[in-house]
Amino acid sequence: MEELICSVEFLRSRRELVARVSSEAGGVREYRAPAAGQVIEQVVDDLQEEFESAPVT
């Protein structure tokens, strides 16, 4: 059985890329950076921390 553990949306404005991340453990948060690589790195780091510390069910 599959279970949704997080949702990630990427939006682009004229000046920056915005990532909106939503998860049960971390709630909703946003990351902003002028370059895609920077915002993606922020999201990956955050989710990696969150999932490494989460208990396995």
PDB file of N, CA and C in Angstrom:
ATOM      1  N   MET A   1       0.837  -1.179   0.000  1.00  0.00           N
ATOM      2  CA  MET A   1       0.000   0.000   0.000  1.00  0.00           C
ATOM      3  C   MET A   1       0.886   1.249   0.000  1.00  0.00           C
ATOM      4  N   GLU A   2       0.563   2.202  -0.828  1.00  0.00           N
ATOM      5  CA  GLU A   2       1.323   3.438  -0.905  1.00  0.00           C
ATOM      6  C   GLU A   2       0.704   4.502  -0.011  1.00  0.00           C
ATOM      7  N   GLU A   3       1.575   5.362   0.504  1.00  0.00           N
ATOM      8  CA  GLU A   3       1.130   6.425   1.403  1.00  0.00           C
ATOM      9  C   GLU A   3       1.865   7.709   1.030  1.00  0.00           C
ATOM     10  N   LEU A   4       1.136   8.796   0.886  1.00  0.00           N
ATOM     11  CA  LEU A   4       1.741  10.087   0.594  1.00  0.00           C
ATOM     12  C   LEU A   4       2.480  10.579   1.830  1.00  0.00           C
ATOM     13  N   ILE A   5       3.784  10.842   1.697  1.00  0.00           N
ATOM     14  CA  ILE A   5       4.562  11.305   2.853  1.00  0.00           C
ATOM     15  C   ILE A   5       4.932  12.783   2.749  1.00  0.00           C
ATOM     16  N   CYS A   6       4.927  13.318   1.523  1.00  0.00           N
ATOM     17  CA  CYS A   6       5.170  14.754   1.391  1.00  0.00           C
ATOM     18  C   CYS A   6       4.712  15.225   0.020  1.00  0.00           C
ATOM     19  N   SER A   7       4.546  16.522  -0.089  1.00  0.00           N
ATOM     20  CA  SER A   7       4.164  17.160  -1.334  1.00  0.00           C
ATOM     21  C   SER A   7       5.127  18.315  -1.571  1.00  0.00           C
ATOM     22  N   VAL A   8       5.625  18.438  -2.800  1.00  0.00           N
ATOM     23  CA  VAL A   8       6.557  19.517  -3.127  1.00  0.00           C
ATOM     24  C   VAL A   8       6.055  20.220  -4.383  1.00  0.00           C
ATOM     25  N   GLU A   9       5.944  21.538  -4.307  1.00  0.00           N
ATOM     26  CA  GLU A   9       5.547  22.353  -5.457  1.00  0.00           C
ATOM     27  C   GLU A   9       6.676  23.329  -5.750  1.00  0.00           C
ATOM     28  N   PHE A  10       6.994  23.494  -7.021  1.00  0.00           N
ATOM     29  CA  PHE A  10       7.985  24.482  -7.426  1.00  0.00           C
ATOM     30  C   PHE A  10       7.283  25.549  -8.256  1.00  0.00           C
ATOM     31  N   LEU A  11       7.498  26.800  -7.884  1.00  0.00           N
ATOM     32  CA  LEU A  11       6.896  27.946  -8.566  1.00  0.00           C
ATOM     33  C   LEU A  11       8.015  28.907  -8.956  1.00  0.00           C
ATOM     34  N   ARG A  12       7.855  29.568 -10.080  1.00  0.00           N
ATOM     35  CA  ARG A  12       8.881  30.523 -10.507  1.00  0.00           C
ATOM     36  C   ARG A  12       8.265  31.909 -10.606  1.00  0.00           C
ATOM     37  N   SER A  13       8.925  32.865  -9.983  1.00  0.00           N
ATOM     38  CA  SER A  13       8.553  34.261 -10.164  1.00  0.00           C
ATOM     39  C   SER A  13       9.636  34.882 -11.048  1.00  0.00           C
ATOM     40  N   ARG A  14       9.545  36.153 -11.274  1.00  0.00           N
ATOM     41  CA  ARG A  14      10.552  36.807 -12.123  1.00  0.00           C
ATOM     42  C   ARG A  14      11.934  36.802 -11.495  1.00  0.00           C
ATOM     43  N   ARG A  15      11.994  36.820 -10.181  1.00  0.00           N
ATOM     44  CA  ARG A  15      13.283  36.967  -9.500  1.00  0.00           C
ATOM     45  C   ARG A  15      13.799  35.709  -8.829  1.00  0.00           C
ATOM     46  N   GLU A  16      12.906  34.760  -8.547  1.00  0.00           N
ATOM     47  CA  GLU A  16      13.348  33.604  -7.770  1.00  0.00           C
ATOM     48  C   GLU A  16      12.489  32.381  -8.014  1.00  0.00           C
ATOM     49  N   LEU A  17      12.996  31.255  -7.552  1.00  0.00           N
ATOM     50  CA  LEU A  17      12.242  30.008  -7.568  1.00  0.00           C
ATOM     51  C   LEU A  17      11.760  29.772  -6.148  1.00  0.00           C
ATOM     52  N   VAL A  18      10.505  29.355  -6.013  1.00  0.00           N
ATOM     53  CA  VAL A  18       9.913  29.098  -4.709  1.00  0.00           C
ATOM     54  C   VAL A  18       9.529  27.630  -4.645  1.00  0.00           C
ATOM     55  N   ALA A  19       9.886  26.978  -3.545  1.00  0.00           N
ATOM     56  CA  ALA A  19       9.466  25.598  -3.312  1.00  0.00           C
ATOM     57  C   ALA A  19       8.574  25.591  -2.084  1.00  0.00           C
ATOM     58  N   ARG A  20       7.414  24.962  -2.206  1.00  0.00           N
ATOM     59  CA  ARG A  20       6.509  24.782  -1.070  1.00  0.00           C
ATOM     60  C   ARG A  20       6.486  23.296  -0.744  1.00  0.00           C
ATOM     61  N   VAL A  21       6.865  22.985   0.473  1.00  0.00           N
ATOM     62  CA  VAL A  21       6.935  21.599   0.919  1.00  0.00           C
ATOM     63  C   VAL A  21       5.910  21.406   2.025  1.00  0.00           C
ATOM     64  N   SER A  22       5.172  20.324   1.931  1.00  0.00           N
ATOM     65  CA  SER A  22       4.181  19.994   2.945  1.00  0.00           C
ATOM     66  C   SER A  22       4.370  18.539   3.349  1.00  0.00           C
ATOM     67  N   SER A  23       4.474  18.305   4.654  1.00  0.00           N
ATOM     68  CA  SER A  23       4.560  16.942   5.169  1.00  0.00           C
ATOM     69  C   SER A  23       3.886  16.894   6.525  1.00  0.00           C
ATOM     70  N   GLU A  24       3.494  15.704   6.917  1.00  0.00           N
ATOM     71  CA  GLU A  24       2.811  15.548   8.200  1.00  0.00           C
ATOM     72  C   GLU A  24       3.715  15.957   9.356  1.00  0.00           C
ATOM     73  N   ALA A  25       4.962  15.550   9.306  1.00  0.00           N
ATOM     74  CA  ALA A  25       5.884  15.838  10.405  1.00  0.00           C
ATOM     75  C   ALA A  25       6.351  17.294  10.420  1.00  0.00           C
ATOM     76  N   GLY A  26       6.578  17.877   9.246  1.00  0.00           N
ATOM     77  CA  GLY A  26       7.155  19.219   9.182  1.00  0.00           C
ATOM     78  C   GLY A  26       6.181  20.326   8.887  1.00  0.00           C
ATOM     79  N   GLY A  27       4.936  19.990   8.570  1.00  0.00           N
ATOM     80  CA  GLY A  27       3.967  21.018   8.216  1.00  0.00           C
ATOM     81  C   GLY A  27       4.271  21.611   6.851  1.00  0.00           C
ATOM     82  N   VAL A  28       3.840  22.843   6.637  1.00  0.00           N
ATOM     83  CA  VAL A  28       4.053  23.534   5.369  1.00  0.00           C
ATOM     84  C   VAL A  28       5.174  24.548   5.546  1.00  0.00           C
ATOM     85  N   ARG A  29       6.102  24.544   4.608  1.00  0.00           N
ATOM     86  CA  ARG A  29       7.188  25.532   4.651  1.00  0.00           C
ATOM     87  C   ARG A  29       7.577  25.908   3.231  1.00  0.00           C
ATOM     88  N   GLU A  30       8.223  27.075   3.096  1.00  0.00           N
ATOM     89  CA  GLU A  30       8.637  27.583   1.793  1.00  0.00           C
ATOM     90  C   GLU A  30      10.129  27.856   1.787  1.00  0.00           C
ATOM     91  N   TYR A  31      10.701  27.651   0.631  1.00  0.00           N
ATOM     92  CA  TYR A  31      12.119  27.953   0.409  1.00  0.00           C
ATOM     93  C   TYR A  31      12.197  28.825  -0.823  1.00  0.00           C
ATOM     94  N   ARG A  32      13.080  29.808  -0.795  1.00  0.00           N
ATOM     95  CA  ARG A  32      13.233  30.737  -1.920  1.00  0.00           C
ATOM     96  C   ARG A  32      14.710  30.907  -2.234  1.00  0.00           C
ATOM     97  N   ALA A  33      15.020  30.970  -3.520  1.00  0.00           N
ATOM     98  CA  ALA A  33      16.395  31.211  -3.956  1.00  0.00           C
ATOM     99  C   ALA A  33      16.350  31.711  -5.395  1.00  0.00           C
ATOM    100  N   PRO A  34      17.375  32.447  -5.795  1.00  0.00           N
ATOM    101  CA  PRO A  34      17.398  32.966  -7.165  1.00  0.00           C
ATOM    102  C   PRO A  34      17.673  31.889  -8.221  1.00  0.00           C
ATOM    103  N   ALA A  35      18.265  30.778  -7.819  1.00  0.00           N
ATOM    104  CA  ALA A  35      18.605  29.719  -8.774  1.00  0.00           C
ATOM    105  C   ALA A  35      17.948  28.399  -8.371  1.00  0.00           C
ATOM    106  N   ALA A  36      17.558  27.621  -9.369  1.00  0.00           N
ATOM    107  CA  ALA A  36      16.882  26.353  -9.116  1.00  0.00           C
ATOM    108  C   ALA A  36      17.737  25.419  -8.265  1.00  0.00           C
ATOM    109  N   GLY A  37      19.004  25.316  -8.556  1.00  0.00           N
ATOM    110  CA  GLY A  37      19.890  24.425  -7.801  1.00  0.00           C
ATOM    111  C   GLY A  37      19.912  24.741  -6.321  1.00  0.00           C
ATOM    112  N   GLN A  38      19.874  26.008  -5.992  1.00  0.00           N
ATOM    113  CA  GLN A  38      19.913  26.419  -4.585  1.00  0.00           C
ATOM    114  C   GLN A  38      18.652  26.024  -3.846  1.00  0.00           C
ATOM    115  N   VAL A  39      17.493  26.264  -4.441  1.00  0.00           N
ATOM    116  CA  VAL A  39      16.242  25.947  -3.756  1.00  0.00           C
ATOM    117  C   VAL A  39      16.050  24.432  -3.682  1.00  0.00           C
ATOM    118  N   ILE A  40      16.447  23.714  -4.710  1.00  0.00           N
ATOM    119  CA  ILE A  40      16.341  22.254  -4.685  1.00  0.00           C
ATOM    120  C   ILE A  40      17.248  21.682  -3.602  1.00  0.00           C
ATOM    121  N   GLU A  41      18.432  22.214  -3.463  1.00  0.00           N
ATOM    122  CA  GLU A  41      19.350  21.766  -2.406  1.00  0.00           C
ATOM    123  C   GLU A  41      18.747  21.991  -1.019  1.00  0.00           C
ATOM    124  N   GLN A  42      18.098  23.136  -0.810  1.00  0.00           N
ATOM    125  CA  GLN A  42      17.448  23.419   0.476  1.00  0.00           C
ATOM    126  C   GLN A  42      16.355  22.393   0.767  1.00  0.00           C
ATOM    127  N   VAL A  43      15.542  22.083  -0.239  1.00  0.00           N
ATOM    128  CA  VAL A  43      14.448  21.121  -0.069  1.00  0.00           C
ATOM    129  C   VAL A  43      15.002  19.732   0.233  1.00  0.00           C
ATOM    130  N   VAL A  44      15.987  19.301  -0.522  1.00  0.00           N
ATOM    131  CA  VAL A  44      16.569  17.974  -0.320  1.00  0.00           C
ATOM    132  C   VAL A  44      17.173  17.854   1.076  1.00  0.00           C
ATOM    133  N   ASP A  45      17.931  18.853   1.500  1.00  0.00           N
ATOM    134  CA  ASP A  45      18.544  18.823   2.837  1.00  0.00           C
ATOM    135  C   ASP A  45      17.482  18.729   3.925  1.00  0.00           C
ATOM    136  N   ASP A  46      16.439  19.528   3.808  1.00  0.00           N
ATOM    137  CA  ASP A  46      15.379  19.533   4.811  1.00  0.00           C
ATOM    138  C   ASP A  46      14.650  18.189   4.868  1.00  0.00           C
ATOM    139  N   LEU A  47      14.278  17.663   3.709  1.00  0.00           N
ATOM    140  CA  LEU A  47      13.554  16.389   3.685  1.00  0.00           C
ATOM    141  C   LEU A  47      14.433  15.229   4.142  1.00  0.00           C
ATOM    142  N   GLN A  48      15.706  15.279   3.800  1.00  0.00           N
ATOM    143  CA  GLN A  48      16.616  14.229   4.245  1.00  0.00           C
ATOM    144  C   GLN A  48      16.695  14.206   5.770  1.00  0.00           C
ATOM    145  N   GLU A  49      16.847  15.371   6.383  1.00  0.00           N
ATOM    146  CA  GLU A  49      16.857  15.462   7.851  1.00  0.00           C
ATOM    147  C   GLU A  49      15.559  14.934   8.443  1.00  0.00           C
ATOM    148  N   GLU A  50      14.429  15.362   7.867  1.00  0.00           N
ATOM    149  CA  GLU A  50      13.126  14.967   8.380  1.00  0.00           C
ATOM    150  C   GLU A  50      12.928  13.445   8.322  1.00  0.00           C
ATOM    151  N   PHE A  51      13.258  12.843   7.189  1.00  0.00           N
ATOM    152  CA  PHE A  51      13.009  11.417   7.020  1.00  0.00           C
ATOM    153  C   PHE A  51      14.029  10.541   7.741  1.00  0.00           C
ATOM    154  N   GLU A  52      15.253  11.025   7.919  1.00  0.00           N
ATOM    155  CA  GLU A  52      16.242  10.254   8.672  1.00  0.00           C
ATOM    156  C   GLU A  52      15.889  10.185  10.146  1.00  0.00           C
ATOM    157  N   SER A  53      15.232  11.207  10.665  1.00  0.00           N
ATOM    158  CA  SER A  53      14.881  11.227  12.087  1.00  0.00           C
ATOM    159  C   SER A  53      13.491  10.655  12.362  1.00  0.00           C
ATOM    160  N   ALA A  54      12.725  10.364  11.307  1.00  0.00           N
ATOM    161  CA  ALA A  54      11.372   9.839  11.488  1.00  0.00           C
ATOM    162  C   ALA A  54      11.413   8.350  11.841  1.00  0.00           C
ATOM    163  N   PRO A  55      10.547   7.921  12.745  1.00  0.00           N
ATOM    164  CA  PRO A  55      10.487   6.494  13.077  1.00  0.00           C
ATOM    165  C   PRO A  55       9.928   5.689  11.905  1.00  0.00           C
ATOM    166  N   VAL A  56      10.421   4.488  11.728  1.00  0.00           N
ATOM    167  CA  VAL A  56       9.953   3.604  10.662  1.00  0.00           C
ATOM    168  C   VAL A  56       8.746   2.842  11.191  1.00  0.00           C
ATOM    169  N   THR A  57       7.672   2.842  10.388  1.00  0.00           N
ATOM    170  CA  THR A  57       6.462   2.133  10.819  1.00  0.00           C
ATOM    171  C   THR A  57       6.241   0.880  10.015  1.00  0.00           C
TER     172      THR A  57
END
